[in-house]
Each structure stands twice: as C-alpha cells, then as structure tokens.
Amino acid sequence: HPANVHVLRERVPCGPCHREICPLTGERHHVCMKSIEPDAIARAA
C-alpha cells in the first residue's frame, strides 16, 4: 500500500485468525478490534 496508509493493529494471542465471526466469549471476544484505542485512531488521522 502507499506510504500514506496507516495500519493500526494490536498483537493478541488469538490472532490473526481470519475468522468471520469471533468464537471467543467474555473479555476475549473480538479483542483484536477492541484493543485498538480511539485516541490512537485520532493521532493517526
């Protein structure tokens, strides 16, 4: 991708899994996305 594309991701024990629906429950459910902080998005933007 071009240099002006900023990819935000957090390393999590279960990922990257490439699953369409997260099979985990509780605090681990969808943790790959929930770990991306809103302030980090604002700084990158």
ModelCIF file with pLDDT and N, C-alpha, C, O atoms, coordinates in Angstrom:
data_MODEL
#
_entry.id   MODEL 
#
_entity.id                         1 
_entity.type                       polymer 
_entity.pdbx_number_of_molecules   1 
#
_entity_poly.entity_id                      1 
_entity_poly.type                           'polypeptide(L)' 
_entity_poly.nstd_linkage                   no 
_entity_poly.nstd_monomer                   no 
_entity_poly.pdbx_seq_one_letter_code       HPANVHVLRERVPCGPCHREICPLTGERHHVCMKSIEPDAIARAA 
_entity_poly.pdbx_seq_one_letter_code_can   HPANVHVLRERVPCGPCHREICPLTGERHHVCMKSIEPDAIARAA 
_entity_poly.pdbx_strand_id                 A 
#
loop_
_entity_poly_seq.entity_id 
_entity_poly_seq.num 
_entity_poly_seq.mon_id 
_entity_poly_seq.hetero 
1 1  HIS n 
1 2  PRO n 
1 3  ALA n 
1 4  ASN n 
1 5  VAL n 
1 6  HIS n 
1 7  VAL n 
1 8  LEU n 
1 9  ARG n 
1 10 GLU n 
1 11 ARG n 
1 12 VAL n 
1 13 PRO n 
1 14 CYS n 
1 15 GLY n 
1 16 PRO n 
1 17 CYS n 
1 18 HIS n 
1 19 ARG n 
1 20 GLU n 
1 21 ILE n 
1 22 CYS n 
1 23 PRO n 
1 24 LEU n 
1 25 THR n 
1 26 GLY n 
1 27 GLU n 
1 28 ARG n 
1 29 HIS n 
1 30 HIS n 
1 31 VAL n 
1 32 CYS n 
1 33 MET n 
1 34 LYS n 
1 35 SER n 
1 36 ILE n 
1 37 GLU n 
1 38 PRO n 
1 39 ASP n 
1 40 ALA n 
1 41 ILE n 
1 42 ALA n 
1 43 ARG n 
1 44 ALA n 
1 45 ALA n 
#
_struct_asym.id          A 
_struct_asym.entity_id   1 
#
loop_
_ma_qa_metric.id 
_ma_qa_metric.mode 
_ma_qa_metric.name 
_ma_qa_metric.software_group_id 
_ma_qa_metric.type 
1 global pLDDT . pLDDT 
2 local  pLDDT . pLDDT 
#
_ma_qa_metric_global.metric_id      1 
_ma_qa_metric_global.metric_value   91.62 
_ma_qa_metric_global.model_id       1 
_ma_qa_metric_global.ordinal_id     1 
#
loop_
_ma_qa_metric_local.label_asym_id 
_ma_qa_metric_local.label_comp_id 
_ma_qa_metric_local.label_seq_id 
_ma_qa_metric_local.metric_id 
_ma_qa_metric_local.metric_value 
_ma_qa_metric_local.model_id 
_ma_qa_metric_local.ordinal_id 
A HIS 1  2 84.00 1 1  
A PRO 2  2 85.00 1 2  
A ALA 3  2 88.00 1 3  
A ASN 4  2 93.00 1 4  
A VAL 5  2 94.00 1 5  
A HIS 6  2 94.00 1 6  
A VAL 7  2 94.00 1 7  
A LEU 8  2 95.00 1 8  
A ARG 9  2 92.00 1 9  
A GLU 10 2 90.00 1 10 
A ARG 11 2 88.00 1 11 
A VAL 12 2 90.00 1 12 
A PRO 13 2 88.00 1 13 
A CYS 14 2 88.00 1 14 
A GLY 15 2 83.00 1 15 
A PRO 16 2 86.00 1 16 
A CYS 17 2 85.00 1 17 
A HIS 18 2 83.00 1 18 
A ARG 19 2 87.00 1 19 
A GLU 20 2 88.00 1 20 
A ILE 21 2 91.00 1 21 
A CYS 22 2 92.00 1 22 
A PRO 23 2 91.00 1 23 
A LEU 24 2 91.00 1 24 
A THR 25 2 92.00 1 25 
A GLY 26 2 92.00 1 26 
A GLU 27 2 89.00 1 27 
A ARG 28 2 92.00 1 28 
A HIS 29 2 91.00 1 29 
A HIS 30 2 93.00 1 30 
A VAL 31 2 94.00 1 31 
A CYS 32 2 93.00 1 32 
A MET 33 2 94.00 1 33 
A LYS 34 2 93.00 1 34 
A SER 35 2 94.00 1 35 
A ILE 36 2 96.00 1 36 
A GLU 37 2 97.00 1 37 
A PRO 38 2 96.00 1 38 
A ASP 39 2 97.00 1 39 
A ALA 40 2 97.00 1 40 
A ILE 41 2 97.00 1 41 
A ALA 42 2 97.00 1 42 
A ARG 43 2 97.00 1 43 
A ALA 44 2 96.00 1 44 
A ALA 45 2 96.00 1 45 
#
loop_
_atom_site.group_PDB 
_atom_site.id 
_atom_site.type_symbol 
_atom_site.label_atom_id 
_atom_site.label_alt_id 
_atom_site.label_comp_id 
_atom_site.label_asym_id 
_atom_site.label_entity_id 
_atom_site.label_seq_id 
_atom_site.pdbx_PDB_ins_code 
_atom_site.Cartn_x 
_atom_site.Cartn_y 
_atom_site.Cartn_z 
_atom_site.occupancy 
_atom_site.B_iso_or_equiv 
_atom_site.pdbx_formal_charge 
_atom_site.auth_seq_id 
_atom_site.auth_comp_id 
_atom_site.auth_asym_id 
_atom_site.auth_atom_id 
_atom_site.pdbx_PDB_model_num 
ATOM 1   N N  . HIS A 1 1  ? 0.837   -1.195  0.000  1.00 84.00 ? 1  HIS A N  1 
ATOM 2   C CA . HIS A 1 1  ? 0.000   0.000   0.000  1.00 84.00 ? 1  HIS A CA 1 
ATOM 3   C C  . HIS A 1 1  ? 0.874   1.249   0.000  1.00 84.00 ? 1  HIS A C  1 
ATOM 4   O O  . HIS A 1 1  ? 2.060   1.168   0.319  1.00 84.00 ? 1  HIS A O  1 
ATOM 5   N N  . PRO A 1 2  ? 0.301   2.418   -0.357 1.00 85.00 ? 2  PRO A N  1 
ATOM 6   C CA . PRO A 1 2  ? 1.072   3.663   -0.372 1.00 85.00 ? 2  PRO A CA 1 
ATOM 7   C C  . PRO A 1 2  ? 1.541   4.062   1.027  1.00 85.00 ? 2  PRO A C  1 
ATOM 8   O O  . PRO A 1 2  ? 1.062   3.544   2.035  1.00 85.00 ? 2  PRO A O  1 
ATOM 9   N N  . ALA A 1 3  ? 2.488   4.994   1.056  1.00 88.00 ? 3  ALA A N  1 
ATOM 10  C CA . ALA A 1 3  ? 3.063   5.421   2.331  1.00 88.00 ? 3  ALA A CA 1 
ATOM 11  C C  . ALA A 1 3  ? 2.056   6.176   3.191  1.00 88.00 ? 3  ALA A C  1 
ATOM 12  O O  . ALA A 1 3  ? 2.233   6.270   4.406  1.00 88.00 ? 3  ALA A O  1 
ATOM 13  N N  . ASN A 1 4  ? 0.993   6.720   2.574  1.00 93.00 ? 4  ASN A N  1 
ATOM 14  C CA . ASN A 1 4  ? 0.026   7.496   3.358  1.00 93.00 ? 4  ASN A CA 1 
ATOM 15  C C  . ASN A 1 4  ? -1.086  6.617   3.942  1.00 93.00 ? 4  ASN A C  1 
ATOM 16  O O  . ASN A 1 4  ? -2.112  7.132   4.386  1.00 93.00 ? 4  ASN A O  1 
ATOM 17  N N  . VAL A 1 5  ? -0.890  5.312   3.945  1.00 94.00 ? 5  VAL A N  1 
ATOM 18  C CA . VAL A 1 5  ? -1.825  4.391   4.593  1.00 94.00 ? 5  VAL A CA 1 
ATOM 19  C C  . VAL A 1 5  ? -1.232  3.979   5.935  1.00 94.00 ? 5  VAL A C  1 
ATOM 20  O O  . VAL A 1 5  ? -0.141  3.412   5.999  1.00 94.00 ? 5  VAL A O  1 
ATOM 21  N N  . HIS A 1 6  ? -1.971  4.275   7.012  1.00 94.00 ? 6  HIS A N  1 
ATOM 22  C CA . HIS A 1 6  ? -1.511  3.986   8.367  1.00 94.00 ? 6  HIS A CA 1 
ATOM 23  C C  . HIS A 1 6  ? -2.352  2.840   8.916  1.00 94.00 ? 6  HIS A C  1 
ATOM 24  O O  . HIS A 1 6  ? -3.550  3.004   9.148  1.00 94.00 ? 6  HIS A O  1 
ATOM 25  N N  . VAL A 1 7  ? -1.731  1.678   9.124  1.00 94.00 ? 7  VAL A N  1 
ATOM 26  C CA . VAL A 1 7  ? -2.440  0.496   9.616  1.00 94.00 ? 7  VAL A CA 1 
ATOM 27  C C  . VAL A 1 7  ? -2.300  0.412   11.129 1.00 94.00 ? 7  VAL A C  1 
ATOM 28  O O  . VAL A 1 7  ? -1.191  0.407   11.663 1.00 94.00 ? 7  VAL A O  1 
ATOM 29  N N  . LEU A 1 8  ? -3.444  0.347   11.817 1.00 95.00 ? 8  LEU A N  1 
ATOM 30  C CA . LEU A 1 8  ? -3.464  0.194   13.270 1.00 95.00 ? 8  LEU A CA 1 
ATOM 31  C C  . LEU A 1 8  ? -3.895  -1.222  13.621 1.00 95.00 ? 8  LEU A C  1 
ATOM 32  O O  . LEU A 1 8  ? -4.938  -1.695  13.168 1.00 95.00 ? 8  LEU A O  1 
ATOM 33  N N  . ARG A 1 9  ? -3.097  -1.885  14.421 1.00 92.00 ? 9  ARG A N  1 
ATOM 34  C CA . ARG A 1 9  ? -3.452  -3.222  14.885 1.00 92.00 ? 9  ARG A CA 1 
ATOM 35  C C  . ARG A 1 9  ? -2.752  -3.469  16.206 1.00 92.00 ? 9  ARG A C  1 
ATOM 36  O O  . ARG A 1 9  ? -1.728  -2.858  16.512 1.00 92.00 ? 9  ARG A O  1 
ATOM 37  N N  . GLU A 1 10 ? -3.325  -4.379  16.982 1.00 90.00 ? 10 GLU A N  1 
ATOM 38  C CA . GLU A 1 10 ? -2.732  -4.776  18.251 1.00 90.00 ? 10 GLU A CA 1 
ATOM 39  C C  . GLU A 1 10 ? -2.452  -6.275  18.216 1.00 90.00 ? 10 GLU A C  1 
ATOM 40  O O  . GLU A 1 10 ? -3.278  -7.060  17.751 1.00 90.00 ? 10 GLU A O  1 
ATOM 41  N N  . ARG A 1 11 ? -1.297  -6.655  18.705 1.00 88.00 ? 11 ARG A N  1 
ATOM 42  C CA . ARG A 1 11 ? -0.963  -8.075  18.765 1.00 88.00 ? 11 ARG A CA 1 
ATOM 43  C C  . ARG A 1 11 ? -1.772  -8.729  19.884 1.00 88.00 ? 11 ARG A C  1 
ATOM 44  O O  . ARG A 1 11 ? -1.756  -8.264  21.024 1.00 88.00 ? 11 ARG A O  1 
ATOM 45  N N  . VAL A 1 12 ? -2.472  -9.798  19.556 1.00 90.00 ? 12 VAL A N  1 
ATOM 46  C CA . VAL A 1 12 ? -3.262  -10.527 20.534 1.00 90.00 ? 12 VAL A CA 1 
ATOM 47  C C  . VAL A 1 12 ? -2.939  -12.015 20.400 1.00 90.00 ? 12 VAL A C  1 
ATOM 48  O O  . VAL A 1 12 ? -2.570  -12.463 19.315 1.00 90.00 ? 12 VAL A O  1 
ATOM 49  N N  . PRO A 1 13 ? -3.070  -12.792 21.484 1.00 88.00 ? 13 PRO A N  1 
ATOM 50  C CA . PRO A 1 13 ? -2.690  -14.208 21.434 1.00 88.00 ? 13 PRO A CA 1 
ATOM 51  C C  . PRO A 1 13 ? -3.483  -15.028 20.421 1.00 88.00 ? 13 PRO A C  1 
ATOM 52  O O  . PRO A 1 13 ? -2.984  -16.029 19.909 1.00 88.00 ? 13 PRO A O  1 
ATOM 53  N N  . CYS A 1 14 ? -4.714  -14.611 20.127 1.00 88.00 ? 14 CYS A N  1 
ATOM 54  C CA . CYS A 1 14 ? -5.584  -15.410 19.264 1.00 88.00 ? 14 CYS A CA 1 
ATOM 55  C C  . CYS A 1 14 ? -5.536  -14.996 17.800 1.00 88.00 ? 14 CYS A C  1 
ATOM 56  O O  . CYS A 1 14 ? -6.236  -15.580 16.973 1.00 88.00 ? 14 CYS A O  1 
ATOM 57  N N  . GLY A 1 15 ? -4.722  -13.996 17.466 1.00 83.00 ? 15 GLY A N  1 
ATOM 58  C CA . GLY A 1 15 ? -4.788  -13.507 16.106 1.00 83.00 ? 15 GLY A CA 1 
ATOM 59  C C  . GLY A 1 15 ? -3.446  -13.415 15.423 1.00 83.00 ? 15 GLY A C  1 
ATOM 60  O O  . GLY A 1 15 ? -2.396  -13.578 16.045 1.00 83.00 ? 15 GLY A O  1 
ATOM 61  N N  . PRO A 1 16 ? -3.500  -13.150 14.124 1.00 86.00 ? 16 PRO A N  1 
ATOM 62  C CA . PRO A 1 16 ? -4.701  -13.001 13.290 1.00 86.00 ? 16 PRO A CA 1 
ATOM 63  C C  . PRO A 1 16 ? -5.330  -14.358 12.948 1.00 86.00 ? 16 PRO A C  1 
ATOM 64  O O  . PRO A 1 16 ? -4.631  -15.301 12.577 1.00 86.00 ? 16 PRO A O  1 
ATOM 65  N N  . CYS A 1 17 ? -6.635  -14.440 13.076 1.00 85.00 ? 17 CYS A N  1 
ATOM 66  C CA . CYS A 1 17 ? -7.319  -15.731 12.953 1.00 85.00 ? 17 CYS A CA 1 
ATOM 67  C C  . CYS A 1 17 ? -8.048  -15.910 11.629 1.00 85.00 ? 17 CYS A C  1 
ATOM 68  O O  . CYS A 1 17 ? -8.299  -17.043 11.216 1.00 85.00 ? 17 CYS A O  1 
ATOM 69  N N  . HIS A 1 18 ? -8.396  -14.807 10.949 1.00 83.00 ? 18 HIS A N  1 
ATOM 70  C CA . HIS A 1 18 ? -9.110  -14.828 9.672  1.00 83.00 ? 18 HIS A CA 1 
ATOM 71  C C  . HIS A 1 18 ? -10.515 -15.419 9.784  1.00 83.00 ? 18 HIS A C  1 
ATOM 72  O O  . HIS A 1 18 ? -11.089 -15.844 8.782  1.00 83.00 ? 18 HIS A O  1 
ATOM 73  N N  . ARG A 1 19 ? -11.060 -15.449 10.970 1.00 87.00 ? 19 ARG A N  1 
ATOM 74  C CA . ARG A 1 19 ? -12.433 -15.935 11.135 1.00 87.00 ? 19 ARG A CA 1 
ATOM 75  C C  . ARG A 1 19 ? -13.427 -14.818 10.839 1.00 87.00 ? 19 ARG A C  1 
ATOM 76  O O  . ARG A 1 19 ? -13.163 -13.644 11.098 1.00 87.00 ? 19 ARG A O  1 
ATOM 77  N N  . GLU A 1 20 ? -14.565 -15.205 10.296 1.00 88.00 ? 20 GLU A N  1 
ATOM 78  C CA . GLU A 1 20 ? -15.615 -14.233 10.009 1.00 88.00 ? 20 GLU A CA 1 
ATOM 79  C C  . GLU A 1 20 ? -16.357 -13.833 11.277 1.00 88.00 ? 20 GLU A C  1 
ATOM 80  O O  . GLU A 1 20 ? -16.768 -12.680 11.409 1.00 88.00 ? 20 GLU A O  1 
ATOM 81  N N  . ILE A 1 21 ? -16.535 -14.761 12.210 1.00 91.00 ? 21 ILE A N  1 
ATOM 82  C CA . ILE A 1 21 ? -17.209 -14.494 13.482 1.00 91.00 ? 21 ILE A CA 1 
ATOM 83  C C  . ILE A 1 21 ? -16.293 -14.957 14.604 1.00 91.00 ? 21 ILE A C  1 
ATOM 84  O O  . ILE A 1 21 ? -15.763 -16.068 14.560 1.00 91.00 ? 21 ILE A O  1 
ATOM 85  N N  . CYS A 1 22 ? -16.108 -14.116 15.601 1.00 92.00 ? 22 CYS A N  1 
ATOM 86  C CA . CYS A 1 22 ? -15.217 -14.453 16.708 1.00 92.00 ? 22 CYS A CA 1 
ATOM 87  C C  . CYS A 1 22 ? -15.852 -15.538 17.577 1.00 92.00 ? 22 CYS A C  1 
ATOM 88  O O  . CYS A 1 22 ? -16.977 -15.365 18.046 1.00 92.00 ? 22 CYS A O  1 
ATOM 89  N N  . PRO A 1 23 ? -15.145 -16.664 17.802 1.00 91.00 ? 23 PRO A N  1 
ATOM 90  C CA . PRO A 1 23 ? -15.716 -17.749 18.597 1.00 91.00 ? 23 PRO A CA 1 
ATOM 91  C C  . PRO A 1 23 ? -15.502 -17.568 20.097 1.00 91.00 ? 23 PRO A C  1 
ATOM 92  O O  . PRO A 1 23 ? -16.044 -18.340 20.888 1.00 91.00 ? 23 PRO A O  1 
ATOM 93  N N  . LEU A 1 24 ? -14.726 -16.567 20.502 1.00 91.00 ? 24 LEU A N  1 
ATOM 94  C CA . LEU A 1 24 ? -14.394 -16.386 21.909 1.00 91.00 ? 24 LEU A CA 1 
ATOM 95  C C  . LEU A 1 24 ? -15.514 -15.655 22.641 1.00 91.00 ? 24 LEU A C  1 
ATOM 96  O O  . LEU A 1 24 ? -16.356 -15.005 22.022 1.00 91.00 ? 24 LEU A O  1 
ATOM 97  N N  . THR A 1 25 ? -15.511 -15.769 23.950 1.00 92.00 ? 25 THR A N  1 
ATOM 98  C CA . THR A 1 25 ? -16.541 -15.141 24.766 1.00 92.00 ? 25 THR A CA 1 
ATOM 99  C C  . THR A 1 25 ? -15.912 -14.272 25.839 1.00 92.00 ? 25 THR A C  1 
ATOM 100 O O  . THR A 1 25 ? -14.698 -14.282 26.041 1.00 92.00 ? 25 THR A O  1 
ATOM 101 N N  . GLY A 1 26 ? -16.767 -13.517 26.524 1.00 92.00 ? 26 GLY A N  1 
ATOM 102 C CA . GLY A 1 26 ? -16.296 -12.691 27.632 1.00 92.00 ? 26 GLY A CA 1 
ATOM 103 C C  . GLY A 1 26 ? -15.346 -11.599 27.182 1.00 92.00 ? 26 GLY A C  1 
ATOM 104 O O  . GLY A 1 26 ? -15.523 -11.014 26.114 1.00 92.00 ? 26 GLY A O  1 
ATOM 105 N N  . GLU A 1 27 ? -14.340 -11.324 27.993 1.00 89.00 ? 27 GLU A N  1 
ATOM 106 C CA . GLU A 1 27 ? -13.410 -10.239 27.693 1.00 89.00 ? 27 GLU A CA 1 
ATOM 107 C C  . GLU A 1 27 ? -12.558 -10.533 26.463 1.00 89.00 ? 27 GLU A C  1 
ATOM 108 O O  . GLU A 1 27 ? -12.020 -9.609  25.852 1.00 89.00 ? 27 GLU A O  1 
ATOM 109 N N  . ARG A 1 28 ? -12.429 -11.792 26.096 1.00 92.00 ? 28 ARG A N  1 
ATOM 110 C CA . ARG A 1 28 ? -11.607 -12.148 24.935 1.00 92.00 ? 28 ARG A CA 1 
ATOM 111 C C  . ARG A 1 28 ? -12.348 -11.975 23.610 1.00 92.00 ? 28 ARG A C  1 
ATOM 112 O O  . ARG A 1 28 ? -11.732 -12.004 22.544 1.00 92.00 ? 28 ARG A O  1 
ATOM 113 N N  . HIS A 1 29 ? -13.673 -11.796 23.675 1.00 91.00 ? 29 HIS A N  1 
ATOM 114 C CA . HIS A 1 29 ? -14.455 -11.682 22.456 1.00 91.00 ? 29 HIS A CA 1 
ATOM 115 C C  . HIS A 1 29 ? -14.050 -10.434 21.670 1.00 91.00 ? 29 HIS A C  1 
ATOM 116 O O  . HIS A 1 29 ? -14.076 -9.320  22.194 1.00 91.00 ? 29 HIS A O  1 
ATOM 117 N N  . HIS A 1 30 ? -13.678 -10.638 20.418 1.00 93.00 ? 30 HIS A N  1 
ATOM 118 C CA . HIS A 1 30 ? -13.354 -9.538  19.496 1.00 93.00 ? 30 HIS A CA 1 
ATOM 119 C C  . HIS A 1 30 ? -12.242 -8.644  20.052 1.00 93.00 ? 30 HIS A C  1 
ATOM 120 O O  . HIS A 1 30 ? -12.227 -7.439  19.803 1.00 93.00 ? 30 HIS A O  1 
ATOM 121 N N  . VAL A 1 31 ? -11.314 -9.239  20.804 1.00 94.00 ? 31 VAL A N  1 
ATOM 122 C CA . VAL A 1 31 ? -10.284 -8.449  21.476 1.00 94.00 ? 31 VAL A CA 1 
ATOM 123 C C  . VAL A 1 31 ? -9.342  -7.783  20.479 1.00 94.00 ? 31 VAL A C  1 
ATOM 124 O O  . VAL A 1 31 ? -8.759  -6.744  20.789 1.00 94.00 ? 31 VAL A O  1 
ATOM 125 N N  . CYS A 1 32 ? -9.181  -8.366  19.276 1.00 93.00 ? 32 CYS A N  1 
ATOM 126 C CA . CYS A 1 32 ? -8.271  -7.774  18.290 1.00 93.00 ? 32 CYS A CA 1 
ATOM 127 C C  . CYS A 1 32 ? -8.715  -6.372  17.892 1.00 93.00 ? 32 CYS A C  1 
ATOM 128 O O  . CYS A 1 32 ? -7.879  -5.490  17.697 1.00 93.00 ? 32 CYS A O  1 
ATOM 129 N N  . MET A 1 33 ? -10.021 -6.160  17.769 1.00 94.00 ? 33 MET A N  1 
ATOM 130 C CA . MET A 1 33 ? -10.533 -4.840  17.416 1.00 94.00 ? 33 MET A CA 1 
ATOM 131 C C  . MET A 1 33 ? -10.724 -3.960  18.649 1.00 94.00 ? 33 MET A C  1 
ATOM 132 O O  . MET A 1 33 ? -10.435 -2.764  18.611 1.00 94.00 ? 33 MET A O  1 
ATOM 133 N N  . LYS A 1 34 ? -11.205 -4.545  19.733 1.00 93.00 ? 34 LYS A N  1 
ATOM 134 C CA . LYS A 1 34 ? -11.443 -3.758  20.941 1.00 93.00 ? 34 LYS A CA 1 
ATOM 135 C C  . LYS A 1 34 ? -10.150 -3.205  21.530 1.00 93.00 ? 34 LYS A C  1 
ATOM 136 O O  . LYS A 1 34 ? -10.183 -2.244  22.299 1.00 93.00 ? 34 LYS A O  1 
ATOM 137 N N  . SER A 1 35 ? -9.015  -3.797  21.180 1.00 94.00 ? 35 SER A N  1 
ATOM 138 C CA . SER A 1 35 ? -7.733  -3.336  21.713 1.00 94.00 ? 35 SER A CA 1 
ATOM 139 C C  . SER A 1 35 ? -7.214  -2.087  21.017 1.00 94.00 ? 35 SER A C  1 
ATOM 140 O O  . SER A 1 35 ? -6.286  -1.449  21.515 1.00 94.00 ? 35 SER A O  1 
ATOM 141 N N  . ILE A 1 36 ? -7.793  -1.724  19.876 1.00 96.00 ? 36 ILE A N  1 
ATOM 142 C CA . ILE A 1 36 ? -7.371  -0.514  19.170 1.00 96.00 ? 36 ILE A CA 1 
ATOM 143 C C  . ILE A 1 36 ? -8.016  0.686   19.853 1.00 96.00 ? 36 ILE A C  1 
ATOM 144 O O  . ILE A 1 36 ? -9.240  0.821   19.857 1.00 96.00 ? 36 ILE A O  1 
ATOM 145 N N  . GLU A 1 37 ? -7.192  1.554   20.429 1.00 97.00 ? 37 GLU A N  1 
ATOM 146 C CA . GLU A 1 37 ? -7.702  2.672   21.216 1.00 97.00 ? 37 GLU A CA 1 
ATOM 147 C C  . GLU A 1 37 ? -8.194  3.812   20.331 1.00 97.00 ? 37 GLU A C  1 
ATOM 148 O O  . GLU A 1 37 ? -7.546  4.140   19.337 1.00 97.00 ? 37 GLU A O  1 
ATOM 149 N N  . PRO A 1 38 ? -9.331  4.420   20.674 1.00 96.00 ? 38 PRO A N  1 
ATOM 150 C CA . PRO A 1 38 ? -9.831  5.570   19.917 1.00 96.00 ? 38 PRO A CA 1 
ATOM 151 C C  . PRO A 1 38 ? -8.814  6.697   19.796 1.00 96.00 ? 38 PRO A C  1 
ATOM 152 O O  . PRO A 1 38 ? -8.723  7.333   18.746 1.00 96.00 ? 38 PRO A O  1 
ATOM 153 N N  . ASP A 1 39 ? -8.043  6.954   20.863 1.00 97.00 ? 39 ASP A N  1 
ATOM 154 C CA . ASP A 1 39 ? -7.044  8.022   20.795 1.00 97.00 ? 39 ASP A CA 1 
ATOM 155 C C  . ASP A 1 39 ? -5.958  7.705   19.773 1.00 97.00 ? 39 ASP A C  1 
ATOM 156 O O  . ASP A 1 39 ? -5.425  8.615   19.138 1.00 97.00 ? 39 ASP A O  1 
ATOM 157 N N  . ALA A 1 40 ? -5.625  6.427   19.606 1.00 97.00 ? 40 ALA A N  1 
ATOM 158 C CA . ALA A 1 40 ? -4.629  6.046   18.600 1.00 97.00 ? 40 ALA A CA 1 
ATOM 159 C C  . ALA A 1 40 ? -5.151  6.330   17.191 1.00 97.00 ? 40 ALA A C  1 
ATOM 160 O O  . ALA A 1 40 ? -4.395  6.740   16.311 1.00 97.00 ? 40 ALA A O  1 
ATOM 161 N N  . ILE A 1 41 ? -6.443  6.109   16.989 1.00 97.00 ? 41 ILE A N  1 
ATOM 162 C CA . ILE A 1 41 ? -7.062  6.418   15.696 1.00 97.00 ? 41 ILE A CA 1 
ATOM 163 C C  . ILE A 1 41 ? -7.008  7.922   15.441 1.00 97.00 ? 41 ILE A C  1 
ATOM 164 O O  . ILE A 1 41 ? -6.702  8.359   14.331 1.00 97.00 ? 41 ILE A O  1 
ATOM 165 N N  . ALA A 1 42 ? -7.304  8.703   16.465 1.00 97.00 ? 42 ALA A N  1 
ATOM 166 C CA . ALA A 1 42 ? -7.287  10.164  16.328 1.00 97.00 ? 42 ALA A CA 1 
ATOM 167 C C  . ALA A 1 42 ? -5.882  10.665  16.009 1.00 97.00 ? 42 ALA A C  1 
ATOM 168 O O  . ALA A 1 42 ? -5.720  11.560  15.180 1.00 97.00 ? 42 ALA A O  1 
ATOM 169 N N  . ARG A 1 43 ? -4.867  10.101  16.656 1.00 97.00 ? 43 ARG A N  1 
ATOM 170 C CA . ARG A 1 43 ? -3.495  10.539  16.394 1.00 97.00 ? 43 ARG A CA 1 
ATOM 171 C C  . ARG A 1 43 ? -3.075  10.188  14.962 1.00 97.00 ? 43 ARG A C  1 
ATOM 172 O O  . ARG A 1 43 ? -2.434  10.988  14.281 1.00 97.00 ? 43 ARG A O  1 
ATOM 173 N N  . ALA A 1 44 ? -3.443  8.982   14.516 1.00 96.00 ? 44 ALA A N  1 
ATOM 174 C CA . ALA A 1 44 ? -3.088  8.579   13.155 1.00 96.00 ? 44 ALA A CA 1 
ATOM 175 C C  . ALA A 1 44 ? -3.810  9.441   12.125 1.00 96.00 ? 44 ALA A C  1 
ATOM 176 O O  . ALA A 1 44 ? -3.226  9.808   11.106 1.00 96.00 ? 44 ALA A O  1 
ATOM 177 N N  . ALA A 1 45 ? -5.084  9.769   12.385 1.00 96.00 ? 45 ALA A N  1 
ATOM 178 C CA . ALA A 1 45 ? -5.843  10.610  11.470 1.00 96.00 ? 45 ALA A CA 1 
ATOM 179 C C  . ALA A 1 45 ? -5.229  11.997  11.371 1.00 96.00 ? 45 ALA A C  1 
ATOM 180 O O  . ALA A 1 45 ? -5.739  12.847  10.641 1.00 96.00 ? 45 ALA A O  1 
#
